[in-house]
Protein backbone atom coordinates (compact mmCIF):
# COMPACT_ATOMS: atom_id res chain seq x y z
CA MET A 1 0.15 -7.48 -0.46
CA PRO A 2 -2.23 -5.17 1.08
CA GLU A 3 -1.61 -1.64 0.17
CA GLY A 4 -0.99 1.28 2.15
CA HIS A 5 -4.86 2.05 2.32
CA THR A 6 -5.67 -1.06 3.55
CA ILE A 7 -3.34 -0.65 6.50
CA HIS A 8 -5.08 2.90 7.16
CA ARG A 9 -8.50 1.41 7.04
CA ILE A 10 -7.31 -1.14 9.30
CA ALA A 11 -6.36 1.20 11.56
CA ARG A 12 -9.57 3.19 11.25
CA ASP A 13 -11.63 0.55 12.14
CA HIS A 14 -9.74 -1.26 14.95
CA ALA A 15 -9.35 1.82 16.97
CA PRO A 16 -12.82 2.36 17.73
CA LEU A 17 -12.63 -1.32 19.53
CA LEU A 18 -9.47 -1.24 20.64
CA VAL A 19 -7.87 2.37 21.77
CA GLY A 20 -7.93 3.16 25.09
CA ARG A 21 -8.96 -0.49 26.18
CA GLN A 22 -7.23 -2.81 28.28
CA VAL A 23 -5.97 -5.84 25.87
CA ALA A 24 -5.42 -9.27 26.45
CA ALA A 25 -3.07 -10.88 23.89
CA VAL A 26 -2.20 -14.33 23.38
CA SER A 27 -0.23 -16.55 20.82
CA PRO A 28 -2.27 -19.71 20.33
CA GLN A 29 0.48 -20.97 17.93
CA GLY A 30 3.11 -20.00 20.63
CA ARG A 31 5.96 -17.86 17.82
CA PHE A 32 4.76 -14.96 19.21
CA ALA A 33 3.93 -16.18 22.89
CA ALA A 34 6.82 -13.88 24.44
CA GLY A 35 5.49 -10.88 22.38
CA ALA A 36 1.89 -11.67 23.30
CA ALA A 37 2.83 -11.81 27.21
CA VAL A 38 4.35 -8.55 27.14
CA LEU A 39 1.54 -7.28 26.09
CA ASP A 40 -1.04 -8.72 27.89
CA GLY A 41 -2.75 -6.90 29.93
CA LEU A 42 -1.49 -3.02 28.53
CA VAL A 43 -3.95 -0.06 28.07
CA LEU A 44 -3.63 0.41 24.12
CA GLU A 45 -3.07 4.39 23.57
CA ARG A 46 -3.35 4.86 19.66
CA ILE A 47 -2.76 2.58 16.24
CA GLU A 48 -0.67 4.14 14.10
CA ALA A 49 -0.19 3.36 9.84
CA TYR A 50 2.78 3.75 7.83
CA GLY A 51 2.77 2.80 4.44
CA LYS A 52 2.27 -0.94 4.76
CA HIS A 53 3.07 -0.83 8.32
CA SER A 54 1.23 -0.82 11.64
CA PHE A 55 2.03 0.58 15.17
CA HIS A 56 0.20 -0.10 18.19
CA TRP A 57 1.29 2.00 20.81
CA TYR A 58 0.47 0.78 24.01
CA GLU A 59 1.42 2.36 27.92
CA ASP A 60 4.88 2.55 29.13
CA GLU A 61 5.75 3.51 24.53
CA VAL A 62 5.34 -0.21 24.05
CA LEU A 63 4.72 -0.73 20.55
CA LEU A 64 3.23 -3.90 18.32
CA HIS A 65 5.37 -3.74 15.00
CA VAL A 66 3.12 -5.25 12.06
CA HIS A 67 3.65 -5.79 8.57
CA LEU A 68 1.25 -8.03 6.27
CA GLY A 69 3.30 -8.99 3.44
CA LEU A 70 1.75 -11.68 1.25
CA TYR A 71 -0.24 -13.65 3.61
CA GLY A 72 -0.99 -12.25 6.59
CA GLY A 73 -4.57 -10.31 7.36
CA TRP A 74 -7.01 -9.44 10.32
CA THR A 75 -9.99 -10.88 11.25
CA VAL A 76 -12.05 -9.14 13.70
CA GLY A 77 -15.46 -10.14 15.33
CA ARG A 78 -17.39 -9.31 18.31
CA GLY A 79 -18.75 -10.91 21.63
CA GLU A 80 -17.06 -14.58 22.55
CA PRO A 81 -13.70 -15.44 20.17
CA PRO A 82 -14.21 -18.65 18.64
CA GLU A 83 -11.67 -21.68 19.55
CA PRO A 84 -8.06 -20.79 18.45
CA ARG A 85 -7.12 -22.81 14.75
CA GLY A 86 -4.52 -23.04 12.52
CA ALA A 87 -1.55 -21.27 12.57
CA LEU A 88 -2.61 -18.11 14.74
CA ARG A 89 0.33 -15.82 15.35
CA LEU A 90 -1.58 -13.44 17.72
CA ARG A 91 -4.92 -13.25 19.26
CA LEU A 92 -6.01 -9.62 21.16
CA SER A 93 -9.06 -9.10 22.95
CA THR A 94 -11.20 -6.72 25.01
CA ASP A 95 -14.16 -7.15 26.84
CA ASP A 96 -16.49 -7.03 23.73
CA ALA A 97 -14.08 -7.42 20.83
CA TRP A 98 -11.32 -10.20 19.44
CA PHE A 99 -8.63 -9.58 16.96
CA ASP A 100 -7.14 -12.44 15.01
CA LEU A 101 -3.50 -12.03 13.15
CA ARG A 102 -2.61 -14.65 10.85
CA GLY A 103 0.44 -15.28 8.31
CA PRO A 104 2.67 -11.78 9.27
CA ILE A 105 6.06 -11.24 7.65
CA ALA A 106 6.87 -9.34 10.76
CA CYS A 107 5.04 -9.11 14.28
CA GLU A 108 7.27 -7.75 17.18
CA VAL A 109 7.03 -5.68 20.46
CA ILE A 110 9.49 -2.81 19.82
CA GLY A 111 10.08 0.29 21.57
CA PRO A 112 10.58 4.06 19.82
CA ALA A 113 13.77 4.12 19.07
CA GLU A 114 13.11 0.49 16.52
CA ARG A 115 10.62 2.21 15.12
CA GLU A 116 12.50 5.26 14.09
CA LEU A 117 14.78 2.83 12.32
CA VAL A 118 11.48 1.45 10.45
CA LEU A 119 10.45 4.78 9.42
CA ALA A 120 14.21 5.45 8.47
CA ARG A 121 14.02 2.89 5.68
CA LEU A 122 10.38 4.62 4.36
CA GLY A 123 9.83 6.91 1.93
CA PRO A 124 6.78 9.21 2.32
CA ASP A 125 3.30 7.90 2.89
CA PRO A 126 1.22 10.35 0.59
CA LEU A 127 -1.84 9.35 3.40
CA ARG A 128 -0.22 10.95 6.21
CA ARG A 129 -0.62 14.85 7.25
CA ASP A 130 3.03 14.84 7.74
CA ALA A 131 4.14 13.15 4.60
CA ASP A 132 6.36 15.50 2.49
CA PRO A 133 6.79 14.77 -1.23
CA ALA A 134 9.81 16.21 -1.29
CA ARG A 135 11.75 13.23 0.02
CA ALA A 136 10.46 11.02 -2.97
CA SER A 137 11.10 13.77 -5.64
CA ALA A 138 14.90 14.20 -4.48
CA ARG A 139 15.58 10.64 -4.71
CA ILE A 140 13.50 10.41 -8.28
CA ALA A 141 15.15 13.17 -9.70
CA ARG A 142 18.54 11.68 -9.05
CA SER A 143 17.54 8.41 -10.23
CA ARG A 144 17.92 6.77 -13.81
CA ALA A 145 15.27 3.78 -12.61
CA PRO A 146 11.92 3.61 -14.23
CA ILE A 147 9.39 5.22 -12.60
CA GLY A 148 7.17 2.92 -12.62
CA GLN A 149 10.11 0.96 -10.38
CA LEU A 150 10.73 3.90 -8.39
CA LEU A 151 7.06 4.33 -7.21
CA MET A 152 6.94 0.26 -6.00
CA ASP A 153 10.14 1.13 -3.74
CA GLN A 154 9.33 1.53 -0.44
CA SER A 155 12.48 3.81 0.38
CA VAL A 156 11.18 6.13 -2.16
CA LEU A 157 7.52 6.22 -1.37
CA ALA A 158 5.55 4.34 1.28
CA GLY A 159 2.28 2.15 0.43
CA ILE A 160 2.04 2.08 -2.97
CA GLY A 161 1.50 -1.20 -5.00
CA ASN A 162 1.28 -2.84 -7.86
CA VAL A 163 -2.32 -1.54 -8.80
CA TYR A 164 -1.88 2.18 -7.38
CA ARG A 165 1.77 2.27 -9.41
CA ALA A 166 0.02 0.59 -12.51
CA GLU A 167 -3.12 3.05 -12.28
CA VAL A 168 -1.44 6.28 -11.07
CA LEU A 169 1.16 6.38 -14.44
CA PHE A 170 -2.05 5.52 -16.75
CA ARG A 171 -4.00 8.61 -15.06
CA ALA A 172 -1.03 10.71 -15.43
CA GLY A 173 0.02 9.71 -19.42
CA LEU A 174 3.13 8.90 -18.52
CA SER A 175 5.39 5.63 -19.79
CA PRO A 176 6.30 3.39 -16.95
CA PHE A 177 10.02 2.55 -18.48
CA LEU A 178 10.72 6.79 -18.10
CA PRO A 179 13.60 7.38 -15.96
CA GLY A 180 13.48 9.09 -12.93
CA ARG A 181 15.49 11.86 -13.56
CA GLU A 182 14.08 12.96 -16.65
CA LEU A 183 10.25 13.46 -14.57
CA ALA A 184 9.21 17.04 -14.71
CA PRO A 185 8.84 18.41 -11.04
CA GLU A 186 5.32 19.85 -11.89
CA ARG A 187 4.51 16.19 -13.50
CA TRP A 188 5.60 14.98 -9.85
CA ASP A 189 3.10 17.15 -8.16
CA ASP A 190 0.45 15.61 -10.28
CA LEU A 191 1.54 12.16 -9.58
CA TRP A 192 1.43 13.41 -6.25
CA THR A 193 -1.46 14.63 -5.73
CA ASP A 194 -3.63 11.75 -7.47
CA LEU A 195 -1.72 9.20 -5.61
CA ARG A 196 -3.02 11.26 -2.28
CA SER A 197 -6.73 11.25 -3.63
CA LEU A 198 -6.73 7.79 -4.79
CA LEU A 199 -5.46 6.28 -1.48
CA ARG A 200 -7.98 8.30 0.04
CA ALA A 201 -11.03 6.86 -1.92
CA GLY A 202 -10.12 3.39 -1.31
CA VAL A 203 -9.94 4.22 2.60
CA ARG A 204 -13.58 5.54 2.45
CA SER A 205 -14.46 2.74 0.02
CA GLY A 206 -11.94 -0.56 1.08
CA ARG A 207 -11.52 -0.82 -2.30
CA ILE A 208 -9.42 0.48 -5.25
CA VAL A 209 -11.24 1.74 -7.83
CA THR A 210 -9.44 4.10 -10.50
CA THR A 211 -11.58 4.88 -13.53
CA GLU A 212 -13.29 7.65 -14.34
CA ARG A 213 -17.45 7.34 -14.84
CA GLU A 214 -17.08 7.95 -17.85
CA ASP A 215 -14.44 5.31 -18.68
CA ARG A 216 -16.46 2.45 -17.30
CA GLU A 217 -19.10 -0.04 -19.28
CA ARG A 218 -21.44 0.62 -16.89
CA ARG A 219 -22.08 4.32 -16.16
CA SER A 220 -24.35 4.36 -12.88
CA GLY A 221 -23.72 2.99 -9.74
CA ARG A 222 -21.05 1.07 -7.27
CA PRO A 223 -18.63 0.14 -10.19
CA SER A 224 -17.72 -3.67 -10.42
CA ARG A 225 -14.31 -5.09 -10.51
CA GLU A 226 -14.69 -5.52 -13.86
CA ASP A 227 -15.02 -1.48 -14.06
CA ALA A 228 -12.34 -0.55 -11.71
CA HIS A 229 -8.99 -0.56 -12.76
CA TYR A 230 -7.69 1.23 -15.87
CA VAL A 231 -4.84 -1.26 -16.99
CA TYR A 232 -4.24 -3.69 -13.78
CA ARG A 233 -4.78 -7.27 -15.16
CA ARG A 234 -6.02 -6.09 -18.51
CA THR A 235 -3.45 -7.70 -20.63
CA GLY A 236 -4.87 -7.66 -23.60
CA LEU A 237 -8.00 -6.17 -23.50
CA PRO A 238 -8.67 -2.89 -25.33
CA CYS A 239 -7.34 0.66 -23.46
CA ARG A 240 -10.80 2.17 -22.07
CA ARG A 241 -9.68 5.42 -23.64
CA CYS A 242 -8.03 4.30 -26.88
CA GLY A 243 -8.49 0.55 -27.57
CA THR A 244 -4.75 -0.23 -28.36
CA PRO A 245 -3.93 -3.80 -26.05
CA VAL A 246 -2.61 -3.49 -22.89
CA ARG A 247 0.70 -4.73 -22.11
CA THR A 248 2.02 -6.31 -19.64
CA GLU A 249 5.93 -6.77 -18.37
CA VAL A 250 7.87 -7.99 -15.44
CA LEU A 251 9.44 -4.98 -13.79
CA ALA A 252 11.66 -5.12 -10.30
CA GLY A 253 9.80 -8.63 -9.79
CA ARG A 254 6.51 -7.81 -10.59
CA ASN A 255 3.90 -7.42 -13.57
CA LEU A 256 3.91 -4.06 -15.00
CA PHE A 257 0.52 -2.87 -16.88
CA TRP A 258 0.11 -0.13 -19.19
CA CYS A 259 -1.07 1.12 -22.72
CA PRO A 260 1.45 1.63 -25.09
CA THR A 261 -0.68 4.53 -27.24
CA CYS A 262 -1.61 6.49 -23.87
CA GLN A 263 1.42 6.19 -21.84
CA VAL A 264 4.35 7.64 -24.32
CA ASP A 265 7.07 10.07 -23.53
CA ARG A 266 9.42 11.67 -25.60
CA SER A 267 12.41 10.04 -23.44
CA ASP A 268 10.98 6.65 -24.04
CA PRO A 269 13.56 6.00 -27.32
CA GLN A 270 11.90 2.78 -29.15
CA GLY A 271 8.21 4.85 -29.35
CA ALA A 272 4.72 3.79 -28.15
CA GLY A 273 5.80 2.73 -25.25
CA ALA A 274 8.20 -0.09 -25.79
CA ARG A 275 10.69 -1.31 -23.09
CA PRO A 276 13.38 1.31 -23.54
CA SER A 277 17.32 0.85 -23.44
CA ALA A 278 19.95 0.00 -20.20
CA ARG A 279 20.33 3.30 -20.11
CA SER A 280 17.19 3.37 -17.31
CA SER A 281 18.52 0.86 -15.43
CA PRO A 282 19.41 1.41 -12.03
């Protein structure tokens, strides 16, 4: 599933081609025909990203809400659009560009009130200027759930997925099984700051790179895919910093990756990054 940096990058890249333009909208697949008819001919005023959600603000406060989910994605082109093929949910087009949306889990026309309902279910988005980290901190401080689970909870933090969850915890030296209420406030401040930095870098580059140059096999040039992460999808490989094999375990339905040596907390009762007892369950 695309993480928050991808949604913000899409909004940034689409805006120059769409904002301020009258947009033609059709649903070749037919599943969004009624919604496309509402959008057709309206002028797009702005594109907003929040976590894994995007909102197209059209004139008269008509909004297009999109959540890509696991399989959704946009294809963009210039000039004459190709003949529609397959399950094409929505095509937006202007005089010189076209935007095809396939496979989203949410694609709906809503108003400002419905947008507020969507945002009410989400925690702060570290990429937004109006984000309030204290909202997430308060939720974490009240929870016995492991921090590795809380970071993936969109009602706690919006836009954080499996890659950023694993990597930011490694960079902080935090056990993913540390109960949220045992996370010191200053450690949360550090996590938030690092998340903002990593996400912003992801928006700029279009990819997730979390390793420092000195921890890569190749010290110069653009980091390779193999050098991009510390623990994510590196099960059994040596930790880049200590050499201990990286471990994995399913947590909250997703594979969690961590180094049992670099990510140890005194609150981890079994030591060496082992899964703690049921006291850390939600």
